[in-house]
Amino acid sequence: LMGGTYISLLPGGSETMLKNGDIILDTQGSMDMMGLVGQ
C-alpha cells in the first residue's frame, strides 16, 4: 500500500528471446489506489 512502484516482467515459455527494439505485447497498467480507496 505504501511501497514504491516497479515493473514486473513475467517470463513466458517461448523459445524465441527478446532482442533490442522488440515490443512486449502483453502488458498490464497500474492500479489507481486512491480511486480504489475512494470507492
PDB file of all heavy atoms in Angstrom:
ATOM      1  N   LEU A   1       0.811  -1.216   0.000  1.00  0.00           N
ATOM      2  CA  LEU A   1       0.000   0.000   0.000  1.00  0.00           C
ATOM      3  C   LEU A   1       0.843   1.264   0.000  1.00  0.00           C
ATOM      4  O   LEU A   1       0.534   2.225  -0.674  1.00  0.00           O
ATOM      5  CB  LEU A   1      -0.933   0.010   1.219  1.00  0.00           C
ATOM      6  CG  LEU A   1      -2.137  -0.914   1.113  1.00  0.00           C
ATOM      7  CD1 LEU A   1      -2.943  -0.877   2.404  1.00  0.00           C
ATOM      8  CD2 LEU A   1      -3.008  -0.537  -0.063  1.00  0.00           C
ATOM      9  N   MET A   2       1.912   1.266   0.762  1.00  0.00           N
ATOM     10  CA  MET A   2       2.742   2.464   0.862  1.00  0.00           C
ATOM     11  C   MET A   2       4.083   2.304   0.145  1.00  0.00           C
ATOM     12  O   MET A   2       4.933   3.176   0.227  1.00  0.00           O
ATOM     13  CB  MET A   2       2.993   2.811   2.334  1.00  0.00           C
ATOM     14  CG  MET A   2       1.717   3.037   3.135  1.00  0.00           C
ATOM     15  SD  MET A   2       0.688   4.321   2.452  1.00  0.00           S
ATOM     16  CE  MET A   2       1.465   5.744   3.135  1.00  0.00           C
ATOM     17  N   GLY A   3       4.271   1.183  -0.570  1.00  0.00           N
ATOM     18  CA  GLY A   3       5.550   0.914  -1.213  1.00  0.00           C
ATOM     19  C   GLY A   3       5.672   1.598  -2.558  1.00  0.00           C
ATOM     20  O   GLY A   3       4.734   2.187  -3.085  1.00  0.00           O
ATOM     21  N   GLY A   4       6.849   1.493  -3.123  1.00  0.00           N
ATOM     22  CA  GLY A   4       7.126   2.092  -4.418  1.00  0.00           C
ATOM     23  C   GLY A   4       6.574   1.255  -5.560  1.00  0.00           C
ATOM     24  O   GLY A   4       6.191   0.099  -5.408  1.00  0.00           O
ATOM     25  N   THR A   5       6.529   1.852  -6.731  1.00  0.00           N
ATOM     26  CA  THR A   5       6.038   1.203  -7.936  1.00  0.00           C
ATOM     27  C   THR A   5       7.214   0.640  -8.721  1.00  0.00           C
ATOM     28  O   THR A   5       8.284   1.226  -8.762  1.00  0.00           O
ATOM     29  CB  THR A   5       5.283   2.232  -8.801  1.00  0.00           C
ATOM     30  OG1 THR A   5       4.225   2.778  -8.013  1.00  0.00           O
ATOM     31  CG2 THR A   5       4.698   1.607 -10.034  1.00  0.00           C
ATOM     32  N   TYR A   6       7.006  -0.521  -9.346  1.00  0.00           N
ATOM     33  CA  TYR A   6       8.010  -1.099 -10.229  1.00  0.00           C
ATOM     34  C   TYR A   6       7.315  -1.878 -11.330  1.00  0.00           C
ATOM     35  O   TYR A   6       6.103  -2.107 -11.287  1.00  0.00           O
ATOM     36  CB  TYR A   6       9.008  -1.979  -9.466  1.00  0.00           C
ATOM     37  CG  TYR A   6       8.411  -3.224  -8.855  1.00  0.00           C
ATOM     38  CD1 TYR A   6       8.449  -4.436  -9.533  1.00  0.00           C
ATOM     39  CD2 TYR A   6       7.825  -3.204  -7.603  1.00  0.00           C
ATOM     40  CE1 TYR A   6       7.904  -5.585  -8.980  1.00  0.00           C
ATOM     41  CE2 TYR A   6       7.287  -4.338  -7.036  1.00  0.00           C
ATOM     42  CZ  TYR A   6       7.336  -5.528  -7.730  1.00  0.00           C
ATOM     43  OH  TYR A   6       6.798  -6.657  -7.179  1.00  0.00           O
ATOM     44  N   ILE A   7       8.070  -2.277 -12.340  1.00  0.00           N
ATOM     45  CA  ILE A   7       7.523  -3.072 -13.429  1.00  0.00           C
ATOM     46  C   ILE A   7       8.006  -4.497 -13.253  1.00  0.00           C
ATOM     47  O   ILE A   7       9.208  -4.751 -13.159  1.00  0.00           O
ATOM     48  CB  ILE A   7       7.948  -2.503 -14.789  1.00  0.00           C
ATOM     49  CG1 ILE A   7       7.381  -1.097 -14.916  1.00  0.00           C
ATOM     50  CG2 ILE A   7       7.480  -3.402 -15.922  1.00  0.00           C
ATOM     51  CD1 ILE A   7       7.783  -0.368 -16.138  1.00  0.00           C
ATOM     52  N   SER A   8       7.058  -5.408 -13.193  1.00  0.00           N
ATOM     53  CA  SER A   8       7.360  -6.819 -13.023  1.00  0.00           C
ATOM     54  C   SER A   8       7.283  -7.514 -14.373  1.00  0.00           C
ATOM     55  O   SER A   8       6.244  -7.466 -15.044  1.00  0.00           O
ATOM     56  CB  SER A   8       6.358  -7.445 -12.046  1.00  0.00           C
ATOM     57  OG  SER A   8       6.597  -8.825 -11.928  1.00  0.00           O
ATOM     58  N   LEU A   9       8.384  -8.123 -14.796  1.00  0.00           N
ATOM     59  CA  LEU A   9       8.389  -8.923 -16.012  1.00  0.00           C
ATOM     60  C   LEU A   9       8.106 -10.369 -15.636  1.00  0.00           C
ATOM     61  O   LEU A   9       8.765 -10.925 -14.756  1.00  0.00           O
ATOM     62  CB  LEU A   9       9.751  -8.849 -16.713  1.00  0.00           C
ATOM     63  CG  LEU A   9      10.066  -7.608 -17.524  1.00  0.00           C
ATOM     64  CD1 LEU A   9      11.444  -7.735 -18.159  1.00  0.00           C
ATOM     65  CD2 LEU A   9       9.027  -7.345 -18.578  1.00  0.00           C
ATOM     66  N   LEU A  10       7.122 -10.961 -16.289  1.00  0.00           N
ATOM     67  CA  LEU A  10       6.776 -12.355 -16.055  1.00  0.00           C
ATOM     68  C   LEU A  10       7.188 -13.144 -17.284  1.00  0.00           C
ATOM     69  O   LEU A  10       6.562 -13.026 -18.348  1.00  0.00           O
ATOM     70  CB  LEU A  10       5.277 -12.488 -15.797  1.00  0.00           C
ATOM     71  CG  LEU A  10       4.754 -11.625 -14.652  1.00  0.00           C
ATOM     72  CD1 LEU A  10       3.240 -11.587 -14.664  1.00  0.00           C
ATOM     73  CD2 LEU A  10       5.271 -12.135 -13.336  1.00  0.00           C
ATOM     74  N   PRO A  11       8.268 -13.954 -17.183  1.00  0.00           N
ATOM     75  CA  PRO A  11       8.775 -14.679 -18.347  1.00  0.00           C
ATOM     76  C   PRO A  11       7.748 -15.655 -18.903  1.00  0.00           C
ATOM     77  O   PRO A  11       7.035 -16.323 -18.168  1.00  0.00           O
ATOM     78  CB  PRO A  11       9.998 -15.422 -17.812  1.00  0.00           C
ATOM     79  CG  PRO A  11      10.384 -14.678 -16.577  1.00  0.00           C
ATOM     80  CD  PRO A  11       9.103 -14.142 -16.007  1.00  0.00           C
ATOM     81  N   GLY A  12       7.682 -15.710 -20.219  1.00  0.00           N
ATOM     82  CA  GLY A  12       6.801 -16.638 -20.909  1.00  0.00           C
ATOM     83  C   GLY A  12       7.528 -17.951 -21.177  1.00  0.00           C
ATOM     84  O   GLY A  12       8.547 -18.255 -20.572  1.00  0.00           O
ATOM     85  N   GLY A  13       7.002 -18.716 -22.127  1.00  0.00           N
ATOM     86  CA  GLY A  13       7.578 -20.026 -22.424  1.00  0.00           C
ATOM     87  C   GLY A  13       8.146 -20.155 -23.826  1.00  0.00           C
ATOM     88  O   GLY A  13       8.522 -21.246 -24.243  1.00  0.00           O
ATOM     89  N   SER A  14       8.221 -19.053 -24.564  1.00  0.00           N
ATOM     90  CA  SER A  14       8.696 -19.097 -25.942  1.00  0.00           C
ATOM     91  C   SER A  14      10.179 -19.438 -26.013  1.00  0.00           C
ATOM     92  O   SER A  14      10.946 -19.129 -25.103  1.00  0.00           O
ATOM     93  CB  SER A  14       8.453 -17.747 -26.611  1.00  0.00           C
ATOM     94  OG  SER A  14       8.998 -17.718 -27.908  1.00  0.00           O
ATOM     95  N   GLU A  15      10.548 -20.068 -27.094  1.00  0.00           N
ATOM     96  CA  GLU A  15      11.964 -20.366 -27.323  1.00  0.00           C
ATOM     97  C   GLU A  15      12.682 -19.170 -27.942  1.00  0.00           C
ATOM     98  O   GLU A  15      13.897 -19.116 -27.939  1.00  0.00           O
ATOM     99  CB  GLU A  15      12.089 -21.600 -28.213  1.00  0.00           C
ATOM    100  CG  GLU A  15      11.383 -22.790 -27.624  1.00  0.00           C
ATOM    101  CD  GLU A  15      12.209 -24.044 -27.648  1.00  0.00           C
ATOM    102  OE1 GLU A  15      13.296 -24.034 -28.233  1.00  0.00           O
ATOM    103  OE2 GLU A  15      11.752 -25.013 -27.044  1.00  0.00           O
ATOM    104  N   THR A  16      11.917 -18.223 -28.489  1.00  0.00           N
ATOM    105  CA  THR A  16      12.480 -17.008 -29.065  1.00  0.00           C
ATOM    106  C   THR A  16      12.657 -15.988 -27.944  1.00  0.00           C
ATOM    107  O   THR A  16      11.760 -15.786 -27.132  1.00  0.00           O
ATOM    108  CB  THR A  16      11.526 -16.423 -30.133  1.00  0.00           C
ATOM    109  OG1 THR A  16      11.207 -17.428 -31.070  1.00  0.00           O
ATOM    110  CG2 THR A  16      12.154 -15.233 -30.821  1.00  0.00           C
ATOM    111  N   MET A  17      13.800 -15.351 -27.901  1.00  0.00           N
ATOM    112  CA  MET A  17      14.112 -14.397 -26.839  1.00  0.00           C
ATOM    113  C   MET A  17      13.928 -12.953 -27.311  1.00  0.00           C
ATOM    114  O   MET A  17      14.005 -12.670 -28.501  1.00  0.00           O
ATOM    115  CB  MET A  17      15.557 -14.590 -26.356  1.00  0.00           C
ATOM    116  CG  MET A  17      15.843 -15.976 -25.818  1.00  0.00           C
ATOM    117  SD  MET A  17      14.780 -16.365 -24.443  1.00  0.00           S
ATOM    118  CE  MET A  17      14.701 -18.128 -24.521  1.00  0.00           C
ATOM    119  N   LEU A  18      13.658 -12.064 -26.360  1.00  0.00           N
ATOM    120  CA  LEU A  18      13.552 -10.640 -26.667  1.00  0.00           C
ATOM    121  C   LEU A  18      14.891 -10.124 -27.171  1.00  0.00           C
ATOM    122  O   LEU A  18      15.947 -10.497 -26.660  1.00  0.00           O
ATOM    123  CB  LEU A  18      13.158  -9.844 -25.424  1.00  0.00           C
ATOM    124  CG  LEU A  18      11.696  -9.893 -24.984  1.00  0.00           C
ATOM    125  CD1 LEU A  18      11.531  -9.174 -23.653  1.00  0.00           C
ATOM    126  CD2 LEU A  18      10.786  -9.283 -26.027  1.00  0.00           C
ATOM    127  N   LYS A  19      14.812  -9.252 -28.188  1.00  0.00           N
ATOM    128  CA  LYS A  19      16.007  -8.616 -28.735  1.00  0.00           C
ATOM    129  C   LYS A  19      15.856  -7.105 -28.607  1.00  0.00           C
ATOM    130  O   LYS A  19      14.764  -6.602 -28.349  1.00  0.00           O
ATOM    131  CB  LYS A  19      16.176  -8.986 -30.205  1.00  0.00           C
ATOM    132  CG  LYS A  19      16.322 -10.465 -30.480  1.00  0.00           C
ATOM    133  CD  LYS A  19      16.512 -10.765 -31.958  1.00  0.00           C
ATOM    134  CE  LYS A  19      15.444 -10.265 -32.865  1.00  0.00           C
ATOM    135  NZ  LYS A  19      14.165 -10.887 -32.909  1.00  0.00           N
ATOM    136  N   ASN A  20      16.944  -6.403 -28.801  1.00  0.00           N
ATOM    137  CA  ASN A  20      16.931  -4.950 -28.749  1.00  0.00           C
ATOM    138  C   ASN A  20      15.904  -4.407 -29.738  1.00  0.00           C
ATOM    139  O   ASN A  20      15.906  -4.786 -30.906  1.00  0.00           O
ATOM    140  CB  ASN A  20      18.322  -4.404 -29.062  1.00  0.00           C
ATOM    141  CG  ASN A  20      18.478  -2.967 -28.653  1.00  0.00           C
ATOM    142  OD1 ASN A  20      17.871  -2.519 -27.689  1.00  0.00           O
ATOM    143  ND2 ASN A  20      19.296  -2.231 -29.385  1.00  0.00           N
ATOM    144  N   GLY A  21      15.004  -3.556 -29.267  1.00  0.00           N
ATOM    145  CA  GLY A  21      13.999  -2.945 -30.120  1.00  0.00           C
ATOM    146  C   GLY A  21      12.675  -3.691 -30.164  1.00  0.00           C
ATOM    147  O   GLY A  21      11.722  -3.215 -30.783  1.00  0.00           O
ATOM    148  N   ASP A  22      12.573  -4.861 -29.532  1.00  0.00           N
ATOM    149  CA  ASP A  22      11.326  -5.621 -29.539  1.00  0.00           C
ATOM    150  C   ASP A  22      10.253  -4.931 -28.702  1.00  0.00           C
ATOM    151  O   ASP A  22      10.536  -4.057 -27.891  1.00  0.00           O
ATOM    152  CB  ASP A  22      11.542  -7.041 -29.007  1.00  0.00           C
ATOM    153  CG  ASP A  22      12.168  -7.964 -30.042  1.00  0.00           C
ATOM    154  OD1 ASP A  22      12.315  -7.545 -31.212  1.00  0.00           O
ATOM    155  OD2 ASP A  22      12.508  -9.111 -29.681  1.00  0.00           O
ATOM    156  N   ILE A  23       9.010  -5.382 -28.895  1.00  0.00           N
ATOM    157  CA  ILE A  23       7.859  -4.836 -28.175  1.00  0.00           C
ATOM    158  C   ILE A  23       7.234  -5.942 -27.341  1.00  0.00           C
ATOM    159  O   ILE A  23       6.991  -7.041 -27.835  1.00  0.00           O
ATOM    160  CB  ILE A  23       6.819  -4.264 -29.163  1.00  0.00           C
ATOM    161  CG1 ILE A  23       7.429  -3.111 -29.963  1.00  0.00           C
ATOM    162  CG2 ILE A  23       5.572  -3.805 -28.429  1.00  0.00           C
ATOM    163  CD1 ILE A  23       6.552  -2.616 -31.091  1.00  0.00           C
ATOM    164  N   ILE A  24       6.971  -5.627 -26.080  1.00  0.00           N
ATOM    165  CA  ILE A  24       6.250  -6.546 -25.204  1.00  0.00           C
ATOM    166  C   ILE A  24       4.763  -6.283 -25.433  1.00  0.00           C
ATOM    167  O   ILE A  24       4.284  -5.169 -25.212  1.00  0.00           O
ATOM    168  CB  ILE A  24       6.635  -6.328 -23.726  1.00  0.00           C
ATOM    169  CG1 ILE A  24       8.121  -6.617 -23.532  1.00  0.00           C
ATOM    170  CG2 ILE A  24       5.780  -7.202 -22.824  1.00  0.00           C
ATOM    171  CD1 ILE A  24       8.632  -6.291 -22.145  1.00  0.00           C
ATOM    172  N   LEU A  25       4.044  -7.298 -25.891  1.00  0.00           N
ATOM    173  CA  LEU A  25       2.641  -7.119 -26.267  1.00  0.00           C
ATOM    174  C   LEU A  25       1.681  -7.272 -25.083  1.00  0.00           C
ATOM    175  O   LEU A  25       0.661  -6.603 -25.027  1.00  0.00           O
ATOM    176  CB  LEU A  25       2.265  -8.112 -27.367  1.00  0.00           C
ATOM    177  CG  LEU A  25       3.065  -7.974 -28.665  1.00  0.00           C
ATOM    178  CD1 LEU A  25       2.695  -9.075 -29.636  1.00  0.00           C
ATOM    179  CD2 LEU A  25       2.838  -6.604 -29.286  1.00  0.00           C
ATOM    180  N   ASP A  26       1.997  -8.154 -24.151  1.00  0.00           N
ATOM    181  CA  ASP A  26       1.110  -8.423 -23.021  1.00  0.00           C
ATOM    182  C   ASP A  26       1.515  -7.531 -21.851  1.00  0.00           C
ATOM    183  O   ASP A  26       2.496  -7.794 -21.167  1.00  0.00           O
ATOM    184  CB  ASP A  26       1.200  -9.899 -22.641  1.00  0.00           C
ATOM    185  CG  ASP A  26       0.211 -10.296 -21.564  1.00  0.00           C
ATOM    186  OD1 ASP A  26      -0.686  -9.490 -21.246  1.00  0.00           O
ATOM    187  OD2 ASP A  26       0.338 -11.409 -21.027  1.00  0.00           O
ATOM    188  N   THR A  27       0.747  -6.452 -21.643  1.00  0.00           N
ATOM    189  CA  THR A  27       1.061  -5.504 -20.570  1.00  0.00           C
ATOM    190  C   THR A  27      -0.164  -5.269 -19.698  1.00  0.00           C
ATOM    191  O   THR A  27      -1.298  -5.444 -20.142  1.00  0.00           O
ATOM    192  CB  THR A  27       1.532  -4.150 -21.133  1.00  0.00           C
ATOM    193  OG1 THR A  27       0.490  -3.591 -21.922  1.00  0.00           O
ATOM    194  CG2 THR A  27       2.795  -4.300 -21.958  1.00  0.00           C
ATOM    195  N   GLN A  28       0.100  -4.872 -18.477  1.00  0.00           N
ATOM    196  CA  GLN A  28      -0.969  -4.529 -17.539  1.00  0.00           C
ATOM    197  C   GLN A  28      -0.580  -3.238 -16.848  1.00  0.00           C
ATOM    198  O   GLN A  28       0.508  -3.123 -16.287  1.00  0.00           O
ATOM    199  CB  GLN A  28      -1.153  -5.642 -16.514  1.00  0.00           C
ATOM    200  CG  GLN A  28      -2.244  -5.363 -15.512  1.00  0.00           C
ATOM    201  CD  GLN A  28      -2.392  -6.497 -14.509  1.00  0.00           C
ATOM    202  OE1 GLN A  28      -1.841  -7.567 -14.680  1.00  0.00           O
ATOM    203  NE2 GLN A  28      -3.117  -6.225 -13.449  1.00  0.00           N
ATOM    204  N   GLY A  29      -1.479  -2.253 -16.883  1.00  0.00           N
ATOM    205  CA  GLY A  29      -1.208  -0.949 -16.292  1.00  0.00           C
ATOM    206  C   GLY A  29      -1.302  -0.967 -14.778  1.00  0.00           C
ATOM    207  O   GLY A  29      -1.637  -1.975 -14.154  1.00  0.00           O
ATOM    208  N   SER A  30      -1.026   0.174 -14.196  1.00  0.00           N
ATOM    209  CA  SER A  30      -1.047   0.294 -12.739  1.00  0.00           C
ATOM    210  C   SER A  30      -2.466   0.476 -12.219  1.00  0.00           C
ATOM    211  O   SER A  30      -3.349   0.953 -12.921  1.00  0.00           O
ATOM    212  CB  SER A  30      -0.164   1.457 -12.288  1.00  0.00           C
ATOM    213  OG  SER A  30      -0.649   2.660 -12.825  1.00  0.00           O
ATOM    214  N   MET A  31      -2.655   0.079 -10.982  1.00  0.00           N
ATOM    215  CA  MET A  31      -3.945   0.252 -10.320  1.00  0.00           C
ATOM    216  C   MET A  31      -3.987   1.647  -9.699  1.00  0.00           C
ATOM    217  O   MET A  31      -2.982   2.114  -9.164  1.00  0.00           O
ATOM    218  CB  MET A  31      -4.119  -0.793  -9.214  1.00  0.00           C
ATOM    219  CG  MET A  31      -4.110  -2.216  -9.711  1.00  0.00           C
ATOM    220  SD  MET A  31      -5.548  -2.619 -10.668  1.00  0.00           S
ATOM    221  CE  MET A  31      -6.726  -2.835  -9.384  1.00  0.00           C
ATOM    222  N   ASP A  32      -5.136   2.278  -9.741  1.00  0.00           N
ATOM    223  CA  ASP A  32      -5.320   3.585  -9.111  1.00  0.00           C
ATOM    224  C   ASP A  32      -5.738   3.347  -7.666  1.00  0.00           C
ATOM    225  O   ASP A  32      -6.912   3.154  -7.362  1.00  0.00           O
ATOM    226  CB  ASP A  32      -6.373   4.383  -9.869  1.00  0.00           C
ATOM    227  CG  ASP A  32      -6.597   5.768  -9.294  1.00  0.00           C
ATOM    228  OD1 ASP A  32      -5.784   6.200  -8.448  1.00  0.00           O
ATOM    229  OD2 ASP A  32      -7.577   6.406  -9.688  1.00  0.00           O
ATOM    230  N   MET A  33      -4.753   3.310  -6.759  1.00  0.00           N
ATOM    231  CA  MET A  33      -5.021   3.001  -5.356  1.00  0.00           C
ATOM    232  C   MET A  33      -5.950   4.033  -4.706  1.00  0.00           C
ATOM    233  O   MET A  33      -6.827   3.679  -3.937  1.00  0.00           O
ATOM    234  CB  MET A  33      -3.714   2.908  -4.566  1.00  0.00           C
ATOM    235  CG  MET A  33      -2.823   1.757  -5.007  1.00  0.00           C
ATOM    236  SD  MET A  33      -3.628   0.161  -4.878  1.00  0.00           S
ATOM    237  CE  MET A  33      -3.527  -0.100  -3.136  1.00  0.00           C
ATOM    238  N   MET A  34      -5.777   5.304  -5.038  1.00  0.00           N
ATOM    239  CA  MET A  34      -6.638   6.327  -4.445  1.00  0.00           C
ATOM    240  C   MET A  34      -8.078   6.155  -4.911  1.00  0.00           C
ATOM    241  O   MET A  34      -9.014   6.359  -4.145  1.00  0.00           O
ATOM    242  CB  MET A  34      -6.124   7.731  -4.772  1.00  0.00           C
ATOM    243  CG  MET A  34      -4.785   8.049  -4.120  1.00  0.00           C
ATOM    244  SD  MET A  34      -4.768   7.798  -2.342  1.00  0.00           S
ATOM    245  CE  MET A  34      -5.821   9.111  -1.814  1.00  0.00           C
ATOM    246  N   GLY A  35      -8.264   5.763  -6.174  1.00  0.00           N
ATOM    247  CA  GLY A  35      -9.608   5.501  -6.680  1.00  0.00           C
ATOM    248  C   GLY A  35     -10.246   4.316  -5.975  1.00  0.00           C
ATOM    249  O   GLY A  35     -11.438   4.342  -5.641  1.00  0.00           O
ATOM    250  N   LEU A  36      -9.457   3.268  -5.730  1.00  0.00           N
ATOM    251  CA  LEU A  36      -9.982   2.102  -5.022  1.00  0.00           C
ATOM    252  C   LEU A  36     -10.353   2.440  -3.585  1.00  0.00           C
ATOM    253  O   LEU A  36     -11.396   2.011  -3.090  1.00  0.00           O
ATOM    254  CB  LEU A  36      -8.961   0.965  -5.043  1.00  0.00           C
ATOM    255  CG  LEU A  36      -8.701   0.318  -6.403  1.00  0.00           C
ATOM    256  CD1 LEU A  36      -7.563  -0.691  -6.305  1.00  0.00           C
ATOM    257  CD2 LEU A  36      -9.957  -0.337  -6.929  1.00  0.00           C
ATOM    258  N   VAL A  37      -9.518   3.219  -2.917  1.00  0.00           N
ATOM    259  CA  VAL A  37      -9.816   3.627  -1.539  1.00  0.00           C
ATOM    260  C   VAL A  37     -11.068   4.504  -1.528  1.00  0.00           C
ATOM    261  O   VAL A  37     -11.944   4.345  -0.673  1.00  0.00           O
ATOM    262  CB  VAL A  37      -8.612   4.368  -0.906  1.00  0.00           C
ATOM    263  CG1 VAL A  37      -8.987   5.019   0.407  1.00  0.00           C
ATOM    264  CG2 VAL A  37      -7.451   3.406  -0.725  1.00  0.00           C
ATOM    265  N   GLY A  38     -11.194   5.392  -2.495  1.00  0.00           N
ATOM    266  CA  GLY A  38     -12.373   6.241  -2.588  1.00  0.00           C
ATOM    267  C   GLY A  38     -13.640   5.430  -2.802  1.00  0.00           C
ATOM    268  O   GLY A  38     -14.690   5.732  -2.228  1.00  0.00           O
ATOM    269  N   GLN A  39     -13.548   4.386  -3.617  1.00  0.00           N
ATOM    270  CA  GLN A  39     -14.700   3.525  -3.836  1.00  0.00           C
ATOM    271  C   GLN A  39     -15.102   2.816  -2.546  1.00  0.00           C
ATOM    272  O   GLN A  39     -16.289   2.658  -2.255  1.00  0.00           O
ATOM    273  CB  GLN A  39     -14.402   2.491  -4.918  1.00  0.00           C
ATOM    274  CG  GLN A  39     -14.418   3.052  -6.311  1.00  0.00           C
ATOM    275  CD  GLN A  39     -14.104   2.003  -7.353  1.00  0.00           C
ATOM    276  OE1 GLN A  39     -13.784   0.860  -7.034  1.00  0.00           O
ATOM    277  NE2 GLN A  39     -14.183   2.398  -8.615  1.00  0.00           N
TER     278      GLN A  39
END
